[in-house]
C-alpha atoms as a PDB file:
ATOM      1  CA  UNK A   1      -0.198  -0.032   0.103  1.00  0.00           C
ATOM      2  CA  UNK A   2       2.700   2.503   0.842  1.00  0.00           C
ATOM      3  CA  UNK A   3       4.510   1.538  -2.444  1.00  0.00           C
ATOM      4  CA  UNK A   4       1.363   2.445  -4.233  1.00  0.00           C
ATOM      5  CA  UNK A   5       0.831   5.654  -2.512  1.00  0.00           C
ATOM      6  CA  UNK A   6       4.412   6.569  -3.256  1.00  0.00           C
ATOM      7  CA  UNK A   7       4.173   6.043  -6.897  1.00  0.00           C
ATOM      8  CA  UNK A   8       1.129   8.010  -6.989  1.00  0.00           C
ATOM      9  CA  UNK A   9       2.585  10.687  -5.197  1.00  0.00           C
ATOM     10  CA  UNK A  10       5.882  10.778  -7.392  1.00  0.00           C
ATOM     11  CA  UNK A  11       3.185  10.555 -10.657  1.00  0.00           C
ATOM     12  CA  UNK A  12       1.457  13.482  -9.174  1.00  0.00           C
ATOM     13  CA  UNK A  13       4.949  15.464  -8.642  1.00  0.00           C
ATOM     14  CA  UNK A  14       5.987  14.535 -12.216  1.00  0.00           C
ATOM     15  CA  UNK A  15       2.542  15.628 -13.942  1.00  0.00           C
ATOM     16  CA  UNK A  16       2.755  18.868 -11.774  1.00  0.00           C
ATOM     17  CA  UNK A  17       6.291  19.824 -12.768  1.00  0.00           C
ATOM     18  CA  UNK A  18       5.092  19.218 -16.483  1.00  0.00           C
ATOM     19  CA  UNK A  19       2.312  21.450 -16.016  1.00  0.00           C
ATOM     20  CA  UNK A  20       4.157  24.305 -14.812  1.00  0.00           C
ATOM     21  CA  UNK A  21       6.778  23.773 -17.601  1.00  0.00           C
ATOM     22  CA  UNK A  22       4.224  23.868 -19.713  1.00  0.00           C
ATOM     23  CA  UNK A  23       2.680  27.133 -18.581  1.00  0.00           C
ATOM     24  CA  UNK A  24       6.029  28.780 -18.342  1.00  0.00           C
ATOM     25  CA  UNK A  25       6.797  27.850 -22.171  1.00  0.00           C
ATOM     26  CA  UNK A  26       3.470  28.766 -23.583  1.00  0.00           C
ATOM     27  CA  UNK A  27       3.437  31.854 -25.834  1.00  0.00           C
ATOM     28  CA  UNK A  28       2.754  34.965 -24.356  1.00  0.00           C
ATOM     29  CA  UNK A  29       2.742  38.761 -25.321  1.00  0.00           C
ATOM     30  CA  UNK A  30       3.820  41.128 -22.741  1.00  0.00           C
ATOM     31  CA  UNK A  31       4.062  45.032 -22.518  1.00  0.00           C
ATOM     32  CA  UNK A  32       7.206  47.326 -21.778  1.00  0.00           C
ATOM     33  CA  UNK A  33       6.596  51.131 -21.211  1.00  0.00           C
ATOM     34  CA  UNK A  34       9.209  53.882 -21.081  1.00  0.00           C
ATOM     35  CA  UNK A  35       8.992  57.879 -21.076  1.00  0.00           C
ATOM     36  CA  UNK A  36      11.211  58.662 -24.197  1.00  0.00           C
ATOM     37  CA  UNK A  37      10.316  59.568 -27.372  1.00  0.00           C
ATOM     38  CA  UNK A  38      10.651  57.268 -30.627  1.00  0.00           C
ATOM     39  CA  UNK A  39      13.997  59.066 -31.497  1.00  0.00           C
ATOM     40  CA  UNK A  40      15.670  58.490 -28.102  1.00  0.00           C
ATOM     41  CA  UNK A  41      18.285  55.775 -27.612  1.00  0.00           C
ATOM     42  CA  UNK A  42      16.165  54.200 -24.883  1.00  0.00           C
ATOM     43  CA  UNK A  43      13.321  53.368 -27.517  1.00  0.00           C
ATOM     44  CA  UNK A  44      15.613  51.824 -29.968  1.00  0.00           C
ATOM     45  CA  UNK A  45      17.069  49.829 -26.966  1.00  0.00           C
ATOM     46  CA  UNK A  46      13.636  48.913 -26.048  1.00  0.00           C
ATOM     47  CA  UNK A  47      12.719  47.663 -29.749  1.00  0.00           C
ATOM     48  CA  UNK A  48      16.001  45.741 -29.753  1.00  0.00           C
ATOM     49  CA  UNK A  49      15.381  44.171 -26.336  1.00  0.00           C
ATOM     50  CA  UNK A  50      11.739  43.308 -27.784  1.00  0.00           C
ATOM     51  CA  UNK A  51      13.311  41.612 -30.871  1.00  0.00           C
ATOM     52  CA  UNK A  52      16.034  39.571 -28.908  1.00  0.00           C
ATOM     53  CA  UNK A  53      13.793  38.522 -26.533  1.00  0.00           C
ATOM     54  CA  UNK A  54      11.386  36.863 -29.292  1.00  0.00           C
ATOM     55  CA  UNK A  55      14.464  35.481 -31.040  1.00  0.00           C
ATOM     56  CA  UNK A  56      16.095  33.905 -27.831  1.00  0.00           C
ATOM     57  CA  UNK A  57      12.484  32.464 -26.742  1.00  0.00           C
ATOM     58  CA  UNK A  58      12.047  31.208 -30.476  1.00  0.00           C
ATOM     59  CA  UNK A  59       8.964  33.326 -30.916  1.00  0.00           C
ATOM     60  CA  UNK A  60       7.235  32.307 -27.573  1.00  0.00           C
ATOM     61  CA  UNK A  61       7.514  35.891 -26.058  1.00  0.00           C
ATOM     62  CA  UNK A  62       6.573  38.722 -27.878  1.00  0.00           C
ATOM     63  CA  UNK A  63       7.154  42.047 -26.043  1.00  0.00           C
ATOM     64  CA  UNK A  64       5.220  45.037 -27.284  1.00  0.00           C
ATOM     65  CA  UNK A  65       6.950  48.644 -26.846  1.00  0.00           C
ATOM     66  CA  UNK A  66       5.099  51.635 -25.588  1.00  0.00           C
ATOM     67  CA  UNK A  67       7.147  55.027 -26.005  1.00  0.00           C
ATOM     68  CA  UNK A  68       6.505  58.393 -24.985  1.00  0.00           C
ATOM     69  CA  UNK A  69       4.687  57.898 -21.797  1.00  0.00           C
ATOM     70  CA  UNK A  70       1.713  55.646 -23.518  1.00  0.00           C
ATOM     71  CA  UNK A  71       1.208  53.822 -20.345  1.00  0.00           C
ATOM     72  CA  UNK A  72       2.093  56.841 -18.180  1.00  0.00           C
ATOM     73  CA  UNK A  73       4.952  58.246 -16.165  1.00  0.00           C
ATOM     74  CA  UNK A  74       7.432  56.045 -14.745  1.00  0.00           C
ATOM     75  CA  UNK A  75       5.570  56.223 -10.953  1.00  0.00           C
ATOM     76  CA  UNK A  76       2.343  54.866 -12.974  1.00  0.00           C
ATOM     77  CA  UNK A  77       4.168  52.440 -14.791  1.00  0.00           C
ATOM     78  CA  UNK A  78       5.599  51.356 -11.269  1.00  0.00           C
ATOM     79  CA  UNK A  79       1.965  51.257  -9.902  1.00  0.00           C
ATOM     80  CA  UNK A  80       1.230  48.810 -12.638  1.00  0.00           C
ATOM     81  CA  UNK A  81       4.013  46.335 -12.189  1.00  0.00           C
ATOM     82  CA  UNK A  82       3.119  45.880  -8.670  1.00  0.00           C
ATOM     83  CA  UNK A  83      -0.478  45.053  -9.335  1.00  0.00           C
ATOM     84  CA  UNK A  84       0.605  42.985 -12.488  1.00  0.00           C
ATOM     85  CA  UNK A  85      -1.036  45.146 -15.339  1.00  0.00           C
ATOM     86  CA  UNK A  86       2.324  45.815 -16.786  1.00  0.00           C
ATOM     87  CA  UNK A  87       5.499  43.527 -17.055  1.00  0.00           C
ATOM     88  CA  UNK A  88       8.288  45.584 -18.068  1.00  0.00           C
ATOM     89  CA  UNK A  89       9.317  49.255 -17.954  1.00  0.00           C
ATOM     90  CA  UNK A  90      12.546  50.731 -19.340  1.00  0.00           C
ATOM     91  CA  UNK A  91      13.471  53.941 -17.264  1.00  0.00           C
ATOM     92  CA  UNK A  92      16.398  55.721 -15.148  1.00  0.00           C
ATOM     93  CA  UNK A  93      17.704  54.139 -11.644  1.00  0.00           C
ATOM     94  CA  UNK A  94      17.205  57.740 -10.309  1.00  0.00           C
ATOM     95  CA  UNK A  95      13.168  57.124 -10.745  1.00  0.00           C
ATOM     96  CA  UNK A  96      13.224  54.455  -8.360  1.00  0.00           C
ATOM     97  CA  UNK A  97      13.782  56.871  -5.509  1.00  0.00           C
ATOM     98  CA  UNK A  98      10.338  58.539  -6.491  1.00  0.00           C
ATOM     99  CA  UNK A  99       8.500  55.590  -5.024  1.00  0.00           C
ATOM    100  CA  UNK A 100       7.893  54.602  -1.233  1.00  0.00           C
ATOM    101  CA  UNK A 101      10.496  51.995  -0.530  1.00  0.00           C
ATOM    102  CA  UNK A 102      12.994  53.249  -3.184  1.00  0.00           C
ATOM    103  CA  UNK A 103      14.506  56.171  -1.145  1.00  0.00           C
ATOM    104  CA  UNK A 104      17.884  54.470  -0.783  1.00  0.00           C
ATOM    105  CA  UNK A 105      18.191  55.188  -4.560  1.00  0.00           C
ATOM    106  CA  UNK A 106      18.294  58.929  -3.921  1.00  0.00           C
ATOM    107  CA  UNK A 107      22.258  58.462  -3.849  1.00  0.00           C
ATOM    108  CA  UNK A 108      22.398  57.418  -7.639  1.00  0.00           C
ATOM    109  CA  UNK A 109      21.157  61.167  -8.310  1.00  0.00           C
ATOM    110  CA  UNK A 110      24.061  62.909  -6.154  1.00  0.00           C
ATOM    111  CA  UNK A 111      25.414  65.851  -8.142  1.00  0.00           C
ATOM    112  CA  UNK A 112      28.742  65.520  -9.255  1.00  0.00           C
ATOM    113  CA  UNK A 113      29.370  62.110  -7.387  1.00  0.00           C
ATOM    114  CA  UNK A 114      29.702  60.046 -10.568  1.00  0.00           C
ATOM    115  CA  UNK A 115      32.713  60.529 -12.875  1.00  0.00           C
ATOM    116  CA  UNK A 116      31.088  58.766 -16.013  1.00  0.00           C
ATOM    117  CA  UNK A 117      28.864  55.867 -17.211  1.00  0.00           C
ATOM    118  CA  UNK A 118      31.374  53.116 -16.351  1.00  0.00           C
ATOM    119  CA  UNK A 119      31.936  54.768 -12.730  1.00  0.00           C
ATOM    120  CA  UNK A 120      28.329  54.861 -12.027  1.00  0.00           C
ATOM    121  CA  UNK A 121      27.442  51.311 -13.454  1.00  0.00           C
ATOM    122  CA  UNK A 122      30.272  49.658 -11.550  1.00  0.00           C
ATOM    123  CA  UNK A 123      28.968  51.308  -8.449  1.00  0.00           C
ATOM    124  CA  UNK A 124      25.458  50.355  -9.246  1.00  0.00           C
ATOM    125  CA  UNK A 125      26.687  46.577  -9.773  1.00  0.00           C
ATOM    126  CA  UNK A 126      29.100  46.530  -6.824  1.00  0.00           C
ATOM    127  CA  UNK A 127      28.448  44.278  -3.476  1.00  0.00           C
ATOM    128  CA  UNK A 128      27.979  47.404  -1.660  1.00  0.00           C
ATOM    129  CA  UNK A 129      24.755  48.048  -3.692  1.00  0.00           C
ATOM    130  CA  UNK A 130      23.463  44.420  -3.548  1.00  0.00           C
ATOM    131  CA  UNK A 131      21.520  44.953   0.051  1.00  0.00           C
ATOM    132  CA  UNK A 132      20.076  48.229  -1.208  1.00  0.00           C
ATOM    133  CA  UNK A 133      18.694  46.554  -4.256  1.00  0.00           C
ATOM    134  CA  UNK A 134      17.606  43.296  -2.460  1.00  0.00           C
ATOM    135  CA  UNK A 135      15.698  45.806  -0.032  1.00  0.00           C
ATOM    136  CA  UNK A 136      14.130  47.957  -2.642  1.00  0.00           C
ATOM    137  CA  UNK A 137      12.837  45.014  -4.679  1.00  0.00           C
ATOM    138  CA  UNK A 138      10.970  43.817  -1.209  1.00  0.00           C
ATOM    139  CA  UNK A 139       9.808  47.162  -0.305  1.00  0.00           C
ATOM    140  CA  UNK A 140       8.640  48.634  -3.713  1.00  0.00           C
ATOM    141  CA  UNK A 141       7.359  45.378  -5.261  1.00  0.00           C
ATOM    142  CA  UNK A 142       9.636  46.258  -8.506  1.00  0.00           C
ATOM    143  CA  UNK A 143      12.094  44.108  -9.419  1.00  0.00           C
ATOM    144  CA  UNK A 144      15.332  45.631 -10.890  1.00  0.00           C
ATOM    145  CA  UNK A 145      16.261  43.236 -13.587  1.00  0.00           C
ATOM    146  CA  UNK A 146      19.324  44.982 -14.944  1.00  0.00           C
ATOM    147  CA  UNK A 147      21.177  48.546 -15.017  1.00  0.00           C
ATOM    148  CA  UNK A 148      22.476  49.193 -18.208  1.00  0.00           C
ATOM    149  CA  UNK A 149      22.115  51.784 -20.879  1.00  0.00           C
ATOM    150  CA  UNK A 150      24.000  55.121 -20.674  1.00  0.00           C
ATOM    151  CA  UNK A 151      21.831  58.697 -20.481  1.00  0.00           C
ATOM    152  CA  UNK A 152      22.608  62.152 -21.091  1.00  0.00           C
ATOM    153  CA  UNK A 153      23.969  63.503 -17.896  1.00  0.00           C
ATOM    154  CA  UNK A 154      21.900  66.610 -17.006  1.00  0.00           C
ATOM    155  CA  UNK A 155      23.016  70.029 -18.047  1.00  0.00           C
ATOM    156  CA  UNK A 156      20.943  73.389 -17.643  1.00  0.00           C
ATOM    157  CA  UNK A 157      19.214  75.873 -19.875  1.00  0.00           C
ATOM    158  CA  UNK A 158      18.120  79.314 -19.452  1.00  0.00           C
ATOM    159  CA  UNK A 159      17.940  82.606 -21.201  1.00  0.00           C
ATOM    160  CA  UNK A 160      20.964  83.773 -19.253  1.00  0.00           C
ATOM    161  CA  UNK A 161      24.152  82.572 -18.461  1.00  0.00           C
ATOM    162  CA  UNK A 162      24.184  80.386 -15.036  1.00  0.00           C
ATOM    163  CA  UNK A 163      27.858  80.594 -14.067  1.00  0.00           C
ATOM    164  CA  UNK A 164      27.876  80.630 -10.453  1.00  0.00           C
ATOM    165  CA  UNK A 165      25.855  79.920  -7.111  1.00  0.00           C
ATOM    166  CA  UNK A 166      24.797  83.598  -7.190  1.00  0.00           C
ATOM    167  CA  UNK A 167      23.013  83.328 -10.771  1.00  0.00           C
ATOM    168  CA  UNK A 168      20.805  80.744  -9.070  1.00  0.00           C
ATOM    169  CA  UNK A 169      19.086  83.168  -7.005  1.00  0.00           C
ATOM    170  CA  UNK A 170      15.420  83.384  -7.901  1.00  0.00           C
ATOM    171  CA  UNK A 171      15.598  81.461 -10.775  1.00  0.00           C
ATOM    172  CA  UNK A 172      12.165  79.532 -11.678  1.00  0.00           C
ATOM    173  CA  UNK A 173      13.417  76.260 -12.716  1.00  0.00           C
ATOM    174  CA  UNK A 174      11.701  73.200 -14.026  1.00  0.00           C
ATOM    175  CA  UNK A 175      13.524  69.912 -12.371  1.00  0.00           C
ATOM    176  CA  UNK A 176      12.493  66.356 -12.204  1.00  0.00           C
ATOM    177  CA  UNK A 177      10.240  65.243  -9.271  1.00  0.00           C
ATOM    178  CA  UNK A 178      13.441  64.608  -7.079  1.00  0.00           C
ATOM    179  CA  UNK A 179      14.253  65.255  -3.578  1.00  0.00           C
ATOM    180  CA  UNK A 180      18.012  65.318  -4.733  1.00  0.00           C
ATOM    181  CA  UNK A 181      17.302  68.210  -7.049  1.00  0.00           C
ATOM    182  CA  UNK A 182      14.758  69.954  -5.195  1.00  0.00           C
ATOM    183  CA  UNK A 183      17.416  70.154  -2.365  1.00  0.00           C
ATOM    184  CA  UNK A 184      20.280  71.252  -4.436  1.00  0.00           C
ATOM    185  CA  UNK A 185      18.112  73.961  -6.326  1.00  0.00           C
ATOM    186  CA  UNK A 186      16.828  75.420  -3.159  1.00  0.00           C
ATOM    187  CA  UNK A 187      20.363  75.278  -1.499  1.00  0.00           C
ATOM    188  CA  UNK A 188      21.286  77.629  -4.381  1.00  0.00           C
ATOM    189  CA  UNK A 189      18.489  79.780  -4.125  1.00  0.00           C
ATOM    190  CA  UNK A 190      16.373  78.755  -7.147  1.00  0.00           C
ATOM    191  CA  UNK A 191      12.757  78.250  -7.237  1.00  0.00           C
ATOM    192  CA  UNK A 192      12.247  74.678  -8.470  1.00  0.00           C
ATOM    193  CA  UNK A 193       8.831  73.917 -10.191  1.00  0.00           C
ATOM    194  CA  UNK A 194       7.264  70.811 -11.143  1.00  0.00           C
ATOM    195  CA  UNK A 195       6.263  70.859 -14.989  1.00  0.00           C
ATOM    196  CA  UNK A 196       5.163  67.678 -17.136  1.00  0.00           C
ATOM    197  CA  UNK A 197       7.934  67.435 -19.747  1.00  0.00           C
ATOM    198  CA  UNK A 198       4.966  67.445 -22.103  1.00  0.00           C
ATOM    199  CA  UNK A 199       4.372  71.132 -21.459  1.00  0.00           C
ATOM    200  CA  UNK A 200       7.786  72.331 -20.720  1.00  0.00           C
ATOM    201  CA  UNK A 201       8.181  73.950 -24.189  1.00  0.00           C
ATOM    202  CA  UNK A 202       5.317  76.306 -23.614  1.00  0.00           C
ATOM    203  CA  UNK A 203       6.108  76.788 -20.147  1.00  0.00           C
ATOM    204  CA  UNK A 204       9.736  77.988 -21.009  1.00  0.00           C
ATOM    205  CA  UNK A 205       8.439  79.986 -24.039  1.00  0.00           C
ATOM    206  CA  UNK A 206       5.382  81.939 -21.771  1.00  0.00           C
ATOM    207  CA  UNK A 207       7.924  82.219 -19.022  1.00  0.00           C
ATOM    208  CA  UNK A 208       6.038  80.306 -16.294  1.00  0.00           C
ATOM    209  CA  UNK A 209       9.599  78.895 -15.391  1.00  0.00           C
ATOM    210  CA  UNK A 210      13.202  80.622 -16.716  1.00  0.00           C
ATOM    211  CA  UNK A 211      15.128  77.641 -16.943  1.00  0.00           C
ATOM    212  CA  UNK A 212      15.029  73.651 -16.919  1.00  0.00           C
ATOM    213  CA  UNK A 213      17.825  70.699 -16.607  1.00  0.00           C
ATOM    214  CA  UNK A 214      17.939  68.144 -18.880  1.00  0.00           C
ATOM    215  CA  UNK A 215      20.403  66.346 -21.086  1.00  0.00           C
ATOM    216  CA  UNK A 216      21.637  67.739 -24.438  1.00  0.00           C
ATOM    217  CA  UNK A 217      19.878  64.789 -26.344  1.00  0.00           C
ATOM    218  CA  UNK A 218      16.342  65.948 -25.085  1.00  0.00           C
ATOM    219  CA  UNK A 219      16.891  69.869 -25.132  1.00  0.00           C
ATOM    220  CA  UNK A 220      17.883  68.840 -29.114  1.00  0.00           C
ATOM    221  CA  UNK A 221      14.799  66.594 -29.387  1.00  0.00           C
ATOM    222  CA  UNK A 222      12.324  68.780 -28.032  1.00  0.00           C
ATOM    223  CA  UNK A 223      13.543  72.055 -29.848  1.00  0.00           C
ATOM    224  CA  UNK A 224      13.934  73.812 -26.421  1.00  0.00           C
ATOM    225  CA  UNK A 225      16.890  75.747 -28.194  1.00  0.00           C
ATOM    226  CA  UNK A 226      14.095  77.721 -29.723  1.00  0.00           C
ATOM    227  CA  UNK A 227      13.032  79.081 -26.499  1.00  0.00           C
ATOM    228  CA  UNK A 228      16.360  79.235 -24.437  1.00  0.00           C
ATOM    229  CA  UNK A 229      19.416  80.795 -25.219  1.00  0.00           C
ATOM    230  CA  UNK A 230      22.127  79.230 -23.118  1.00  0.00           C
ATOM    231  CA  UNK A 231      22.899  75.558 -22.706  1.00  0.00           C
ATOM    232  CA  UNK A 232      25.276  74.929 -19.357  1.00  0.00           C
ATOM    233  CA  UNK A 233      27.013  72.021 -19.759  1.00  0.00           C
ATOM    234  CA  UNK A 234      27.111  71.142 -16.107  1.00  0.00           C
ATOM    235  CA  UNK A 235      26.877  67.415 -16.281  1.00  0.00           C
ATOM    236  CA  UNK A 236      26.085  67.289 -12.880  1.00  0.00           C
ATOM    237  CA  UNK A 237      23.641  64.450 -12.387  1.00  0.00           C
ATOM    238  CA  UNK A 238      23.920  61.096 -14.125  1.00  0.00           C
ATOM    239  CA  UNK A 239      21.518  58.445 -14.531  1.00  0.00           C
ATOM    240  CA  UNK A 240      21.468  54.569 -16.104  1.00  0.00           C
ATOM    241  CA  UNK A 241      18.457  53.278 -17.679  1.00  0.00           C
ATOM    242  CA  UNK A 242      17.161  50.307 -15.780  1.00  0.00           C
ATOM    243  CA  UNK A 243      14.713  47.099 -17.078  1.00  0.00           C
ATOM    244  CA  UNK A 244      12.487  47.062 -14.141  1.00  0.00           C
ATOM    245  CA  UNK A 245      10.207  43.797 -14.141  1.00  0.00           C
ATOM    246  CA  UNK A 246       6.868  42.734 -12.176  1.00  0.00           C
ATOM    247  CA  UNK A 247       8.042  40.144  -9.761  1.00  0.00           C
ATOM    248  CA  UNK A 248       4.932  38.157 -10.308  1.00  0.00           C
ATOM    249  CA  UNK A 249       5.675  37.875 -13.976  1.00  0.00           C
ATOM    250  CA  UNK A 250       9.286  37.197 -13.432  1.00  0.00           C
ATOM    251  CA  UNK A 251       8.437  34.328 -11.079  1.00  0.00           C
ATOM    252  CA  UNK A 252       6.353  32.536 -13.633  1.00  0.00           C
ATOM    253  CA  UNK A 253       8.877  32.355 -16.083  1.00  0.00           C
ATOM    254  CA  UNK A 254      11.336  29.277 -16.734  1.00  0.00           C
ATOM    255  CA  UNK A 255      14.958  29.600 -15.648  1.00  0.00           C
ATOM    256  CA  UNK A 256      15.758  29.655 -19.634  1.00  0.00           C
ATOM    257  CA  UNK A 257      13.748  32.373 -20.392  1.00  0.00           C
ATOM    258  CA  UNK A 258      14.807  34.568 -17.432  1.00  0.00           C
ATOM    259  CA  UNK A 259      18.295  34.045 -18.646  1.00  0.00           C
ATOM    260  CA  UNK A 260      17.219  34.954 -22.166  1.00  0.00           C
ATOM    261  CA  UNK A 261      15.623  38.159 -21.013  1.00  0.00           C
ATOM    262  CA  UNK A 262      18.577  38.985 -18.714  1.00  0.00           C
ATOM    263  CA  UNK A 263      20.953  38.572 -22.138  1.00  0.00           C
ATOM    264  CA  UNK A 264      18.606  40.460 -24.059  1.00  0.00           C
ATOM    265  CA  UNK A 265      18.707  43.454 -21.595  1.00  0.00           C
ATOM    266  CA  UNK A 266      22.433  43.369 -21.675  1.00  0.00           C
ATOM    267  CA  UNK A 267      22.669  43.685 -25.296  1.00  0.00           C
ATOM    268  CA  UNK A 268      20.075  46.234 -25.473  1.00  0.00           C
ATOM    269  CA  UNK A 269      21.477  48.393 -22.895  1.00  0.00           C
ATOM    270  CA  UNK A 270      25.107  48.191 -24.917  1.00  0.00           C
ATOM    271  CA  UNK A 271      23.166  49.816 -27.610  1.00  0.00           C
ATOM    272  CA  UNK A 272      21.262  52.272 -25.694  1.00  0.00           C
ATOM    273  CA  UNK A 273      25.053  53.436 -24.375  1.00  0.00           C
ATOM    274  CA  UNK A 274      26.566  53.303 -27.950  1.00  0.00           C
ATOM    275  CA  UNK A 275      23.514  55.553 -29.275  1.00  0.00           C
ATOM    276  CA  UNK A 276      23.912  57.871 -26.737  1.00  0.00           C
ATOM    277  CA  UNK A 277      27.361  58.870 -26.919  1.00  0.00           C
ATOM    278  CA  UNK A 278      26.568  59.044 -30.720  1.00  0.00           C
ATOM    279  CA  UNK A 279      23.666  61.234 -30.105  1.00  0.00           C
ATOM    280  CA  UNK A 280      25.304  63.427 -27.455  1.00  0.00           C
ATOM    281  CA  UNK A 281      27.974  64.347 -30.175  1.00  0.00           C
ATOM    282  CA  UNK A 282      25.017  65.263 -32.564  1.00  0.00           C
ATOM    283  CA  UNK A 283      22.876  67.276 -30.262  1.00  0.00           C
ATOM    284  CA  UNK A 284      25.620  69.295 -29.040  1.00  0.00           C
ATOM    285  CA  UNK A 285      26.345  70.198 -32.501  1.00  0.00           C
ATOM    286  CA  UNK A 286      22.490  71.042 -32.861  1.00  0.00           C
ATOM    287  CA  UNK A 287      22.596  73.186 -29.899  1.00  0.00           C
ATOM    288  CA  UNK A 288      25.964  75.103 -30.867  1.00  0.00           C
ATOM    289  CA  UNK A 289      24.119  75.847 -33.796  1.00  0.00           C
ATOM    290  CA  UNK A 290      21.121  77.576 -32.317  1.00  0.00           C
ATOM    291  CA  UNK A 291      22.291  78.503 -28.748  1.00  0.00           C
ATOM    292  CA  UNK A 292      25.809  78.960 -26.817  1.00  0.00           C
ATOM    293  CA  UNK A 293      26.953  76.253 -25.160  1.00  0.00           C
ATOM    294  CA  UNK A 294      28.785  77.072 -22.050  1.00  0.00           C
ATOM    295  CA  UNK A 295      31.505  75.019 -20.387  1.00  0.00           C
ATOM    296  CA  UNK A 296      34.228  75.086 -17.821  1.00  0.00           C
ATOM    297  CA  UNK A 297      36.295  77.423 -17.010  1.00  0.00           C
ATOM    298  CA  UNK A 298      33.780  80.271 -17.569  1.00  0.00           C
ATOM    299  CA  UNK A 299      31.105  77.905 -16.163  1.00  0.00           C
ATOM    300  CA  UNK A 300      32.535  77.702 -12.295  1.00  0.00           C
ATOM    301  CA  UNK A 301      31.553  74.106 -11.501  1.00  0.00           C
ATOM    302  CA  UNK A 302      34.051  74.287  -8.380  1.00  0.00           C
ATOM    303  CA  UNK A 303      32.089  77.304  -6.808  1.00  0.00           C
ATOM    304  CA  UNK A 304      28.686  74.897  -7.381  1.00  0.00           C
ATOM    305  CA  UNK A 305      29.976  72.073  -5.663  1.00  0.00           C
ATOM    306  CA  UNK A 306      31.400  73.874  -2.984  1.00  0.00           C
ATOM    307  CA  UNK A 307      27.994  75.888  -2.250  1.00  0.00           C
ATOM    308  CA  UNK A 308      26.088  72.100  -2.199  1.00  0.00           C
ATOM    309  CA  UNK A 309      28.730  70.639   0.158  1.00  0.00           C
ATOM    310  CA  UNK A 310      26.994  68.763   3.269  1.00  0.00           C
ATOM    311  CA  UNK A 311      23.298  69.297   1.422  1.00  0.00           C
ATOM    312  CA  UNK A 312      22.868  65.387   2.170  1.00  0.00           C
ATOM    313  CA  UNK A 313      25.088  64.543   5.103  1.00  0.00           C
ATOM    314  CA  UNK A 314      21.864  63.981   6.907  1.00  0.00           C
ATOM    315  CA  UNK A 315      20.851  61.078   4.801  1.00  0.00           C
ATOM    316  CA  UNK A 316      24.379  59.348   5.710  1.00  0.00           C
ATOM    317  CA  UNK A 317      23.128  56.114   7.391  1.00  0.00           C
ATOM    318  CA  UNK A 318      19.563  56.956   7.227  1.00  0.00           C
ATOM    319  CA  UNK A 319      18.514  56.538   3.811  1.00  0.00           C
ATOM    320  CA  UNK A 320      21.449  54.579   2.654  1.00  0.00           C
ATOM    321  CA  UNK A 321      24.259  53.180   4.850  1.00  0.00           C
ATOM    322  CA  UNK A 322      26.669  55.143   6.492  1.00  0.00           C
ATOM    323  CA  UNK A 323      30.119  55.528   4.482  1.00  0.00           C
ATOM    324  CA  UNK A 324      28.651  54.666   0.977  1.00  0.00           C
ATOM    325  CA  UNK A 325      29.132  57.942  -0.292  1.00  0.00           C
ATOM    326  CA  UNK A 326      32.830  57.926   0.229  1.00  0.00           C
ATOM    327  CA  UNK A 327      33.202  54.240  -0.983  1.00  0.00           C
ATOM    328  CA  UNK A 328      31.376  55.182  -4.363  1.00  0.00           C
ATOM    329  CA  UNK A 329      33.724  57.981  -4.536  1.00  0.00           C
ATOM    330  CA  UNK A 330      36.739  55.882  -4.338  1.00  0.00           C
ATOM    331  CA  UNK A 331      35.660  53.335  -6.598  1.00  0.00           C
END
C-alpha cells in the first residue's frame, strides 16, 4: 500500500512539474513602457530588447513597446507592475527613489558623485549596492532586472548665463520630481517648479519657468533651443536606464526564459550606451548652432560644488548605509 501511495505521489509531482513547465513555455505577449520619444536611444534599445527576446525564446515571448509615456509616467508604470498590469518598464535608476521603499536610490542622483557611465554602473552593480537592491525590491514590489544603458548627463538651459551659485538666486527652474534636485536648487537659492515634460516647451516660451535641467539630447529633440538661449554643460547628475519588471511575471518564467531576458537586456543596454554617445555628439553640434553652449572654465563648477557641499549629510546612515558616498567616490 505504501509503495502504491509513493508511486501515486511521484506521478502527481511529475505531472505538476510538466504542467508548470508547459505554463512557463507557452506563448505570451507582454508590454514594456518607457517615457522617452521614438527617436531617443532608450526607445531603440527597447525595440532591440523586444527583437532579442522573441529570437531567444523561439518566438514564444512577444514584447510590445510603448514609448513616450503612453502607459503613463514612471511612477504610474511602477504601480502597474506592482498590480501585475504591466510586465516591464525601462527608465532611469534615479526614478526608483520616486516611490515608497526606493528612497535609498536617492544616492544615484547625488550631483557630481559619478565620474562617468562606467564609474556609475560599477557602483550600481557592486557588492555594496546589492543589499540596497534587495531591500528596494522587497519594499517597492518592483524587480530590478538590469541596470544598463547610458543616458545624457543633466545640464541646464536658461535665457541668461548661469555661471556661479549667485546666478541661481530667484531662478524659476523646472526640475525632475527628485528630492535630491529640489534640495540642490533650494540650497542654491533657485525656485524649483514641477512641470510635465510635455508642457515644458510652452512653459519656457511663456515664462512660466525661466530655466530647466535636462540632458543635451532631450533639449535637442524637443527643440528647447528655440525658447532658451544658453546651455550650461554642468553634467551634474548622471543616470542609467534600468529594466524594471513585475516580480509576479518574473516568477512565472522558466530559468531558460529568465536567462534569455537578462541576456537581451544586456545587449539592449549596450546599444543604448552606444547610441547615447553618438547622439550626444550630434546634439551638442545642433545646440551650438542655435544657442550658446557654456563650459568650464567660464562655467564655475567648483564654486557650485562647494555651495552644495554637505547638503545630503543628514541622509548618511538613514537613507543609505553610512560611508557609502565615500566608497562610491573611491571606486
